């Protein structure tokens, strides 16, 4: 009986450890989203997000809530109805140049500042075609944080 109990405990720890590293990106579905301190609407609001398509890294789940981390390392819980699979990212390099084609030898279109939110159209090996305001072009994938 003790051996079975020990095997069950080991199996539970292995499963929890294996799923703990399954992090993935999603984006905010609405312009107004509440980040809460815990996985329920009973918990107080920690942060008000006011940016649709802001990417967040999902780290854990509890029923219909997901524990997320944003690009500024703020963590908290969001209801799954507030999340989307639309592709978006944040520029994490200062003065990032957007190019017409996926090469550094192509014509520059715009210079983007650190923290700029962009919509991702598609990605290749090391480049992503993106859109922000009236500009559409290619950015180096290493300079982006989010759902690519």
Protein backbone atom coordinates (compact mmCIF):
# COMPACT_ATOMS: atom_id res chain seq x y z
CA UNK A 1 0.00 0.00 0.00
CA UNK A 2 2.83 2.40 0.85
CA UNK A 3 4.56 1.66 -2.49
CA UNK A 4 1.39 2.53 -4.42
CA UNK A 5 0.99 5.76 -2.45
CA UNK A 6 4.62 6.76 -3.14
CA UNK A 7 4.24 5.99 -6.86
CA UNK A 8 1.09 8.15 -7.04
CA UNK A 9 2.85 11.05 -5.30
CA UNK A 10 5.85 10.78 -7.66
CA UNK A 11 3.54 10.67 -10.68
CA UNK A 12 1.71 13.81 -9.51
CA UNK A 13 5.00 15.71 -9.02
CA UNK A 14 6.31 14.63 -12.43
CA UNK A 15 3.10 15.75 -14.15
CA UNK A 16 3.07 19.10 -12.34
CA UNK A 17 6.72 19.70 -13.20
CA UNK A 18 6.21 18.75 -16.87
CA UNK A 19 3.25 21.11 -17.32
CA UNK A 20 4.84 23.97 -15.37
CA UNK A 21 7.07 24.85 -18.33
CA UNK A 22 4.24 25.05 -20.89
CA UNK A 23 4.22 28.82 -21.34
CA UNK A 24 2.62 30.38 -24.40
CA UNK A 25 1.59 33.81 -25.65
CA UNK A 26 -1.90 35.22 -26.09
CA UNK A 27 -3.14 38.78 -26.59
CA UNK A 28 -5.78 40.91 -24.90
CA UNK A 29 -9.15 40.76 -26.65
CA UNK A 30 -10.52 44.16 -25.54
CA UNK A 31 -9.41 47.75 -24.90
CA UNK A 32 -10.26 47.43 -21.20
CA UNK A 33 -9.07 44.34 -19.32
CA UNK A 34 -8.65 43.83 -15.56
CA UNK A 35 -5.60 41.97 -14.25
CA UNK A 36 -6.54 40.43 -10.88
CA UNK A 37 -4.47 39.28 -7.92
CA UNK A 38 -6.03 35.81 -7.93
CA UNK A 39 -7.98 33.39 -10.16
CA UNK A 40 -11.50 34.67 -9.44
CA UNK A 41 -13.60 37.81 -9.87
CA UNK A 42 -13.64 38.01 -6.06
CA UNK A 43 -9.95 39.03 -6.03
CA UNK A 44 -9.07 42.74 -6.25
CA UNK A 45 -7.97 44.31 -9.53
CA UNK A 46 -4.23 44.83 -9.71
CA UNK A 47 -3.85 46.61 -13.09
CA UNK A 48 -6.23 48.03 -15.72
CA UNK A 49 -4.97 47.28 -19.22
CA UNK A 50 -6.19 49.71 -21.86
CA UNK A 51 -4.56 48.30 -24.98
CA UNK A 52 -6.23 45.77 -27.26
CA UNK A 53 -3.85 43.08 -28.65
CA UNK A 54 -1.27 43.61 -25.88
CA UNK A 55 0.68 40.32 -25.73
CA UNK A 56 0.84 38.39 -22.44
CA UNK A 57 2.70 35.22 -21.53
CA UNK A 58 0.41 32.57 -20.00
CA UNK A 59 2.21 30.81 -17.15
CA UNK A 60 -0.48 28.88 -15.27
CA UNK A 61 -4.20 28.13 -15.26
CA UNK A 62 -6.99 27.67 -12.74
CA UNK A 63 -10.45 26.84 -14.08
CA UNK A 64 -11.38 29.71 -16.44
CA UNK A 65 -8.52 31.98 -15.35
CA UNK A 66 -4.97 32.21 -16.67
CA UNK A 67 -1.95 33.52 -14.79
CA UNK A 68 -0.13 35.88 -17.14
CA UNK A 69 3.00 38.03 -17.27
CA UNK A 70 3.31 41.14 -19.44
CA UNK A 71 6.39 42.70 -21.07
CA UNK A 72 7.06 44.74 -17.90
CA UNK A 73 7.05 41.57 -15.70
CA UNK A 74 3.67 42.39 -14.08
CA UNK A 75 1.88 39.15 -13.17
CA UNK A 76 -1.73 38.42 -12.32
CA UNK A 77 -4.84 36.54 -13.41
CA UNK A 78 -7.14 37.11 -16.41
CA UNK A 79 -10.41 35.40 -17.34
CA UNK A 80 -10.08 33.42 -20.58
CA UNK A 81 -12.87 35.47 -22.17
CA UNK A 82 -10.46 38.45 -22.10
CA UNK A 83 -7.79 36.65 -24.15
CA UNK A 84 -7.33 36.17 -27.88
CA UNK A 85 -5.05 34.27 -30.28
CA UNK A 86 -4.58 37.30 -32.57
CA UNK A 87 -0.90 37.77 -33.35
CA UNK A 88 0.76 40.85 -31.88
CA UNK A 89 4.07 41.81 -30.28
CA UNK A 90 5.90 44.58 -28.45
CA UNK A 91 9.14 46.09 -29.79
CA UNK A 92 11.89 45.43 -27.22
CA UNK A 93 14.73 47.20 -29.04
CA UNK A 94 15.13 50.96 -29.14
CA UNK A 95 15.13 52.58 -32.60
CA UNK A 96 14.22 49.38 -34.45
CA UNK A 97 14.18 49.88 -38.23
CA UNK A 98 11.22 48.55 -40.23
CA UNK A 99 12.23 47.39 -43.70
CA UNK A 100 10.28 47.00 -46.95
CA UNK A 101 11.53 43.41 -47.42
CA UNK A 102 12.91 40.78 -45.00
CA UNK A 103 16.54 41.84 -45.32
CA UNK A 104 18.67 44.57 -43.78
CA UNK A 105 19.70 45.68 -47.28
CA UNK A 106 16.12 46.60 -48.18
CA UNK A 107 14.65 50.12 -48.06
CA UNK A 108 13.91 51.39 -44.49
CA UNK A 109 10.28 52.40 -43.92
CA UNK A 110 10.12 53.58 -40.30
CA UNK A 111 11.98 53.65 -37.00
CA UNK A 112 10.06 52.15 -34.07
CA UNK A 113 10.70 52.93 -30.41
CA UNK A 114 10.96 50.45 -27.56
CA UNK A 115 7.47 49.49 -26.26
CA UNK A 116 5.65 49.98 -29.58
CA UNK A 117 2.71 47.60 -30.07
CA UNK A 118 2.59 45.99 -33.52
CA UNK A 119 0.22 43.52 -35.21
CA UNK A 120 1.97 40.50 -36.71
CA UNK A 121 0.84 39.50 -40.20
CA UNK A 122 3.21 36.55 -40.71
CA UNK A 123 6.67 35.37 -39.72
CA UNK A 124 9.50 33.68 -41.58
CA UNK A 125 12.72 32.25 -40.12
CA UNK A 126 14.11 35.41 -38.52
CA UNK A 127 11.75 38.12 -39.83
CA UNK A 128 8.13 39.08 -39.20
CA UNK A 129 5.86 41.10 -41.48
CA UNK A 130 4.04 43.55 -39.24
CA UNK A 131 1.62 46.47 -39.26
CA UNK A 132 1.51 49.51 -37.00
CA UNK A 133 -0.55 52.61 -37.70
CA UNK A 134 -0.07 53.40 -41.39
CA UNK A 135 3.18 51.44 -41.75
CA UNK A 136 3.54 47.86 -42.97
CA UNK A 137 6.93 46.16 -43.26
CA UNK A 138 9.40 43.62 -41.90
CA UNK A 139 11.10 43.53 -38.48
CA UNK A 140 13.84 41.36 -37.01
CA UNK A 141 12.15 38.64 -34.94
CA UNK A 142 14.75 38.89 -32.14
CA UNK A 143 13.58 42.44 -31.40
CA UNK A 144 9.98 41.42 -30.66
CA UNK A 145 8.21 40.05 -27.56
CA UNK A 146 4.86 38.37 -28.01
CA UNK A 147 2.70 36.09 -30.12
CA UNK A 148 4.61 35.67 -33.39
